[in-house]
N, C-alpha and C. Protein backbone atom coordinates (compact mmCIF):
# COMPACT_ATOMS: atom_id res chain seq x y z
N UNK A 1 73.15 -23.59 -44.29
CA UNK A 1 71.62 -23.60 -44.06
C UNK A 1 70.58 -24.92 -43.43
N UNK A 2 71.08 -25.48 -44.11
CA UNK A 2 70.31 -26.78 -43.00
C UNK A 2 70.57 -27.15 -41.34
N UNK A 3 71.71 -26.67 -41.19
CA UNK A 3 71.90 -26.81 -39.70
C UNK A 3 71.51 -25.45 -39.09
N UNK A 4 71.40 -25.05 -39.58
CA UNK A 4 70.51 -23.68 -38.63
C UNK A 4 68.27 -24.00 -38.92
N UNK A 5 68.17 -24.65 -39.74
CA UNK A 5 66.78 -25.07 -39.29
C UNK A 5 66.58 -26.50 -38.58
N UNK A 6 68.02 -27.68 -38.69
CA UNK A 6 68.13 -28.48 -37.71
C UNK A 6 68.33 -27.90 -36.28
N UNK A 7 68.82 -26.63 -36.03
CA UNK A 7 68.71 -26.12 -34.82
C UNK A 7 67.62 -25.68 -34.34
N UNK A 8 66.68 -24.27 -34.91
CA UNK A 8 65.53 -24.12 -35.03
C UNK A 8 64.66 -25.08 -34.68
N UNK A 9 64.51 -26.54 -35.12
CA UNK A 9 63.53 -27.32 -35.16
C UNK A 9 64.17 -28.12 -33.62
N UNK A 10 64.88 -28.45 -33.37
CA UNK A 10 65.29 -29.19 -32.29
C UNK A 10 64.47 -28.26 -30.80
N UNK A 11 63.86 -29.24 -29.84
CA UNK A 11 63.32 -28.56 -29.39
C UNK A 11 64.20 -28.67 -27.53
N UNK A 12 63.90 -27.22 -26.56
CA UNK A 12 64.77 -27.11 -26.12
C UNK A 12 64.42 -28.07 -24.70
N UNK A 13 65.36 -28.31 -24.44
CA UNK A 13 65.37 -28.92 -23.32
C UNK A 13 65.35 -28.47 -21.26
N UNK A 14 64.68 -28.73 -21.17
CA UNK A 14 64.34 -28.47 -20.04
C UNK A 14 64.72 -29.26 -19.06
N UNK A 15 65.10 -28.00 -17.89
CA UNK A 15 66.26 -28.97 -16.74
C UNK A 15 65.42 -29.47 -15.76
N UNK A 16 65.59 -30.47 -14.94
CA UNK A 16 64.06 -30.68 -14.40
C UNK A 16 64.10 -30.23 -13.52
N UNK A 17 62.88 -30.19 -12.98
CA UNK A 17 62.64 -28.56 -12.06
C UNK A 17 62.73 -27.33 -12.16
N UNK A 18 62.83 -27.15 -13.29
CA UNK A 18 63.03 -26.29 -13.73
C UNK A 18 62.12 -25.00 -13.39
N UNK A 19 60.36 -25.59 -14.10
CA UNK A 19 59.54 -24.76 -13.85
C UNK A 19 58.98 -24.17 -12.29
N UNK A 20 59.70 -25.33 -11.00
CA UNK A 20 59.12 -24.94 -9.97
C UNK A 20 60.11 -24.05 -9.22
N UNK A 21 61.36 -24.13 -9.94
CA UNK A 21 61.96 -23.31 -9.82
C UNK A 21 61.43 -21.50 -9.87
N UNK A 22 61.54 -21.85 -10.72
CA UNK A 22 60.37 -20.13 -10.71
C UNK A 22 59.51 -19.57 -10.39
N UNK A 23 58.72 -20.51 -10.23
CA UNK A 23 57.32 -19.98 -9.40
C UNK A 23 57.68 -20.02 -7.98
N UNK A 24 58.49 -20.95 -7.49
CA UNK A 24 59.18 -20.87 -6.14
C UNK A 24 59.52 -19.23 -5.60
N UNK A 25 60.62 -18.75 -7.05
CA UNK A 25 61.33 -17.65 -6.70
C UNK A 25 60.55 -16.15 -7.13
N UNK A 26 59.57 -16.53 -7.39
CA UNK A 26 58.18 -15.47 -8.27
C UNK A 26 57.52 -15.29 -6.37
N UNK A 27 57.38 -16.46 -5.48
CA UNK A 27 56.77 -16.54 -4.67
C UNK A 27 57.58 -15.78 -3.33
N UNK A 28 58.41 -16.23 -3.40
CA UNK A 28 59.74 -15.58 -2.37
C UNK A 28 60.14 -13.94 -2.80
N UNK A 29 59.96 -13.63 -3.90
CA UNK A 29 59.42 -12.06 -4.71
C UNK A 29 58.54 -11.41 -3.86
N UNK A 30 58.03 -12.21 -4.09
CA UNK A 30 56.29 -11.67 -3.60
C UNK A 30 55.96 -11.55 -2.19
N UNK A 31 56.40 -12.37 -1.54
CA UNK A 31 56.49 -11.96 -0.14
C UNK A 31 57.50 -11.11 0.12
N UNK A 32 58.80 -11.41 -0.44
CA UNK A 32 59.47 -9.49 -0.16
C UNK A 32 59.17 -8.48 -0.30
N UNK A 33 58.41 -8.41 -1.65
CA UNK A 33 57.65 -6.97 -1.52
C UNK A 33 56.44 -6.84 -0.55
N UNK A 34 55.65 -7.85 -0.07
CA UNK A 34 55.11 -7.46 0.85
C UNK A 34 55.35 -7.25 2.08
N UNK A 35 56.67 -8.04 2.63
CA UNK A 35 57.11 -7.27 3.77
C UNK A 35 57.80 -5.73 4.08
N UNK A 36 57.91 -5.57 2.77
CA UNK A 36 59.05 -4.51 2.33
C UNK A 36 57.99 -2.97 3.00
N UNK A 37 57.08 -3.44 1.32
CA UNK A 37 56.01 -2.17 1.11
C UNK A 37 54.85 -2.09 1.57
N UNK A 38 53.98 -3.62 1.75
CA UNK A 38 52.66 -3.46 2.15
C UNK A 38 52.41 -3.33 3.64
N UNK A 39 53.22 -4.28 4.52
CA UNK A 39 53.15 -4.21 5.56
C UNK A 39 53.26 -2.94 6.31
N UNK A 40 54.28 -2.35 5.76
CA UNK A 40 54.24 -1.37 6.66
C UNK A 40 53.35 -0.01 6.51
N UNK A 41 53.33 -0.07 5.52
CA UNK A 41 51.87 0.98 5.42
C UNK A 41 50.65 0.76 6.02
N UNK A 42 50.36 -0.54 6.23
CA UNK A 42 49.13 -0.95 6.43
C UNK A 42 49.32 -0.75 7.88
N UNK A 43 50.57 -0.82 8.95
CA UNK A 43 50.91 -0.52 9.90
C UNK A 43 50.95 1.18 10.26
N UNK A 44 51.15 1.51 9.48
CA UNK A 44 51.16 3.14 9.95
C UNK A 44 49.92 3.64 9.64
N UNK A 45 48.56 2.88 9.41
CA UNK A 45 47.72 3.19 8.69
C UNK A 45 46.81 2.92 9.56
N UNK A 46 47.10 1.83 9.94
CA UNK A 46 46.37 1.30 11.83
C UNK A 46 46.90 2.26 12.93
N UNK A 47 48.31 2.82 12.90
CA UNK A 47 48.63 3.90 13.99
C UNK A 47 47.61 4.75 14.08
N UNK A 48 47.69 5.68 12.74
CA UNK A 48 47.21 6.86 12.70
C UNK A 48 45.40 6.98 12.84
N UNK A 49 44.67 5.88 12.16
CA UNK A 49 43.26 5.30 13.01
C UNK A 49 43.21 5.43 14.23
N UNK A 50 43.82 4.54 14.82
CA UNK A 50 44.06 4.87 16.10
C UNK A 50 43.82 6.19 16.61
N UNK A 51 45.04 7.03 16.14
CA UNK A 51 45.52 8.16 17.06
C UNK A 51 44.44 9.43 16.71
N UNK A 52 43.64 9.33 15.75
CA UNK A 52 42.29 10.14 15.30
C UNK A 52 41.67 9.74 16.04
N UNK A 53 40.97 8.22 16.69
CA UNK A 53 39.99 7.87 17.32
C UNK A 53 39.97 8.33 18.77
N UNK A 54 40.95 8.25 19.26
CA UNK A 54 42.11 9.11 20.71
C UNK A 54 41.45 10.22 20.33
N UNK A 55 41.12 11.35 19.85
CA UNK A 55 41.34 12.38 19.99
C UNK A 55 39.91 12.90 20.24
N UNK A 56 40.24 14.07 21.36
CA UNK A 56 39.37 14.49 22.22
C UNK A 56 39.46 15.82 22.24
N UNK A 57 38.58 16.62 23.37
CA UNK A 57 38.20 18.24 22.63
C UNK A 57 39.48 18.49 24.03
N UNK A 58 40.33 19.78 23.59
CA UNK A 58 41.41 20.10 24.35
C UNK A 58 43.21 19.54 23.90
N UNK A 59 42.55 18.97 22.80
CA UNK A 59 43.94 18.16 22.71
C UNK A 59 44.43 19.05 21.17
N UNK A 60 45.86 19.34 21.65
CA UNK A 60 46.50 20.02 20.20
C UNK A 60 47.08 19.17 19.14
N UNK A 61 46.31 19.81 17.66
CA UNK A 61 46.26 19.10 17.01
C UNK A 61 47.39 19.82 15.62
N UNK A 62 48.15 19.04 14.71
CA UNK A 62 48.54 19.77 13.57
C UNK A 62 47.62 18.85 12.22
N UNK A 63 47.88 19.77 11.29
CA UNK A 63 46.56 19.42 10.36
C UNK A 63 47.95 18.77 9.30
N UNK A 64 47.38 18.55 8.09
CA UNK A 64 48.00 18.26 6.98
C UNK A 64 48.45 18.99 6.64
N UNK A 65 48.07 20.00 6.56
CA UNK A 65 48.82 21.55 5.96
C UNK A 65 49.06 22.48 6.89
N UNK A 66 49.64 21.77 7.81
CA UNK A 66 50.52 22.44 9.11
C UNK A 66 49.85 23.28 9.18
N UNK A 67 48.83 23.87 9.99
CA UNK A 67 48.31 24.54 10.65
C UNK A 67 47.66 24.00 12.44
N UNK A 68 48.06 24.32 13.13
CA UNK A 68 48.05 24.36 14.44
C UNK A 68 47.00 24.87 15.37
N UNK A 69 46.37 23.30 16.02
CA UNK A 69 45.18 24.41 16.99
C UNK A 69 45.05 23.17 17.68
N UNK A 70 43.58 23.83 18.52
CA UNK A 70 43.96 22.84 19.17
C UNK A 70 41.74 22.76 19.13
N UNK A 71 41.84 21.15 19.37
CA UNK A 71 40.14 20.60 18.99
C UNK A 71 38.92 21.34 20.28
N UNK A 72 37.84 21.96 19.41
CA UNK A 72 37.30 22.46 20.85
C UNK A 72 35.42 21.69 20.87
N UNK A 73 35.72 20.97 19.78
CA UNK A 73 34.64 20.20 19.87
C UNK A 73 34.70 19.07 18.19
N UNK A 74 33.88 17.74 19.01
CA UNK A 74 34.06 16.76 18.18
C UNK A 74 32.56 16.12 17.00
N UNK A 75 32.89 15.99 16.37
CA UNK A 75 31.23 15.86 15.68
C UNK A 75 31.85 14.61 14.90
N UNK A 76 30.62 14.03 14.55
CA UNK A 76 31.38 12.71 13.32
C UNK A 76 31.94 12.13 12.50
N UNK A 77 31.91 13.42 11.46
CA UNK A 77 33.14 13.02 10.80
C UNK A 77 33.95 14.43 10.57
N UNK A 78 33.89 15.45 11.19
CA UNK A 78 34.83 16.41 11.62
C UNK A 78 35.54 17.06 12.98
N UNK A 79 36.40 17.84 13.26
CA UNK A 79 36.82 18.64 14.46
C UNK A 79 36.56 19.74 14.41
N UNK A 80 36.41 20.43 14.67
CA UNK A 80 36.22 22.19 15.00
C UNK A 80 37.32 22.04 15.83
N UNK A 81 38.30 22.95 15.13
CA UNK A 81 39.72 23.23 15.58
C UNK A 81 39.66 25.18 15.80
N UNK A 82 40.02 25.21 16.98
CA UNK A 82 40.39 26.60 17.18
C UNK A 82 41.98 27.20 17.08
N UNK A 83 42.06 28.26 15.88
CA UNK A 83 43.69 28.03 15.50
C UNK A 83 43.84 29.77 16.39
N UNK A 84 42.91 30.47 16.44
CA UNK A 84 43.59 31.64 16.99
C UNK A 84 42.57 32.09 17.77
N UNK A 85 42.28 33.42 18.87
CA UNK A 85 41.12 33.80 19.24
C UNK A 85 40.64 34.10 18.46
N UNK A 86 38.78 33.79 18.49
CA UNK A 86 37.75 33.88 18.22
C UNK A 86 37.95 32.78 16.87
N UNK A 87 38.85 32.68 16.25
CA UNK A 87 38.67 31.93 15.15
C UNK A 87 38.85 30.05 15.19
N UNK A 88 37.66 29.32 14.50
CA UNK A 88 37.44 28.34 14.53
C UNK A 88 37.14 28.18 13.32
N UNK A 89 38.29 27.11 12.80
CA UNK A 89 37.92 25.94 11.16
C UNK A 89 37.04 24.41 11.56
N UNK A 90 36.50 23.92 10.80
CA UNK A 90 36.28 22.47 10.60
C UNK A 90 36.92 22.29 9.87
N UNK A 91 37.57 20.36 10.22
CA UNK A 91 38.28 20.09 9.42
C UNK A 91 37.62 18.71 9.82
N UNK A 92 38.08 17.94 8.46
CA UNK A 92 37.38 16.45 8.66
C UNK A 92 38.65 15.64 9.03
N UNK A 93 38.51 15.33 9.56
CA UNK A 93 38.80 13.75 10.69
C UNK A 93 40.23 13.47 9.69
N UNK A 94 40.07 13.22 8.45
CA UNK A 94 41.55 12.31 8.02
C UNK A 94 42.42 13.81 7.49
N UNK A 95 42.01 14.47 7.89
CA UNK A 95 42.86 15.54 7.32
C UNK A 95 44.12 15.87 8.87
N UNK A 96 43.86 15.23 9.82
CA UNK A 96 44.75 15.15 11.26
C UNK A 96 46.25 14.35 10.89
N UNK A 97 47.63 15.35 11.08
CA UNK A 97 48.17 14.82 10.44
C UNK A 97 49.01 14.12 12.34
N UNK A 98 48.80 14.96 13.04
CA UNK A 98 49.81 14.21 14.31
C UNK A 98 49.25 15.04 15.47
N UNK A 99 49.31 14.54 16.76
CA UNK A 99 49.28 15.59 17.61
C UNK A 99 50.67 16.44 18.17
N UNK A 100 50.48 17.96 18.80
CA UNK A 100 51.36 18.70 18.45
C UNK A 100 52.18 18.30 20.07
N UNK A 101 51.50 18.10 21.03
CA UNK A 101 52.01 17.89 21.78
C UNK A 101 52.01 16.35 22.57
N UNK A 102 52.86 15.84 21.67
CA UNK A 102 53.06 13.80 22.33
C UNK A 102 53.45 13.58 23.20
N UNK A 103 52.13 12.54 24.42
CA UNK A 103 52.93 12.57 25.31
C UNK A 103 54.34 11.64 25.29
N UNK A 104 54.95 11.37 26.49
CA UNK A 104 56.08 10.65 26.83
C UNK A 104 55.81 9.03 26.41
N UNK A 105 54.76 8.40 26.18
CA UNK A 105 54.61 7.10 25.57
C UNK A 105 55.37 7.28 23.90
N UNK A 106 53.91 8.40 23.62
CA UNK A 106 54.43 8.50 22.04
C UNK A 106 56.02 9.10 21.88
N UNK A 107 56.57 9.83 22.48
CA UNK A 107 58.01 9.97 22.47
C UNK A 107 58.78 9.05 22.44
N UNK A 108 58.72 7.71 23.64
CA UNK A 108 59.43 6.84 23.01
C UNK A 108 59.18 5.61 22.28
N UNK A 109 58.51 6.01 21.43
CA UNK A 109 58.52 4.96 20.34
C UNK A 109 58.60 5.74 19.05
N UNK A 110 58.32 7.00 18.92
CA UNK A 110 59.38 7.10 17.49
C UNK A 110 60.74 7.49 18.10
N UNK A 111 61.57 7.41 19.39
CA UNK A 111 62.75 7.45 19.81
C UNK A 111 63.37 7.00 19.03
């Protein structure tokens, strides 16, 4: 019984530099998570914002819900999209998923 008390009361010996190693490993893991998860999402968001900013009247687009149409008017916060003869809808700029007819430069990027 006395040996259990003596073992429990004995302080744990730390290896030299053990705390620094754990901090370095934690920082490396956080850096890895940034480059694997956060950086690609930020890059994709920038590309999407640039694509939306470049849209103009006459461009064929696909909305996030899968509706194909042609932009007939560009407003401050939305697009007017013709989806059929005599049928126009207004959609929020953020609901445009992609262009329906990518240019040759965009096709080369995606390949």
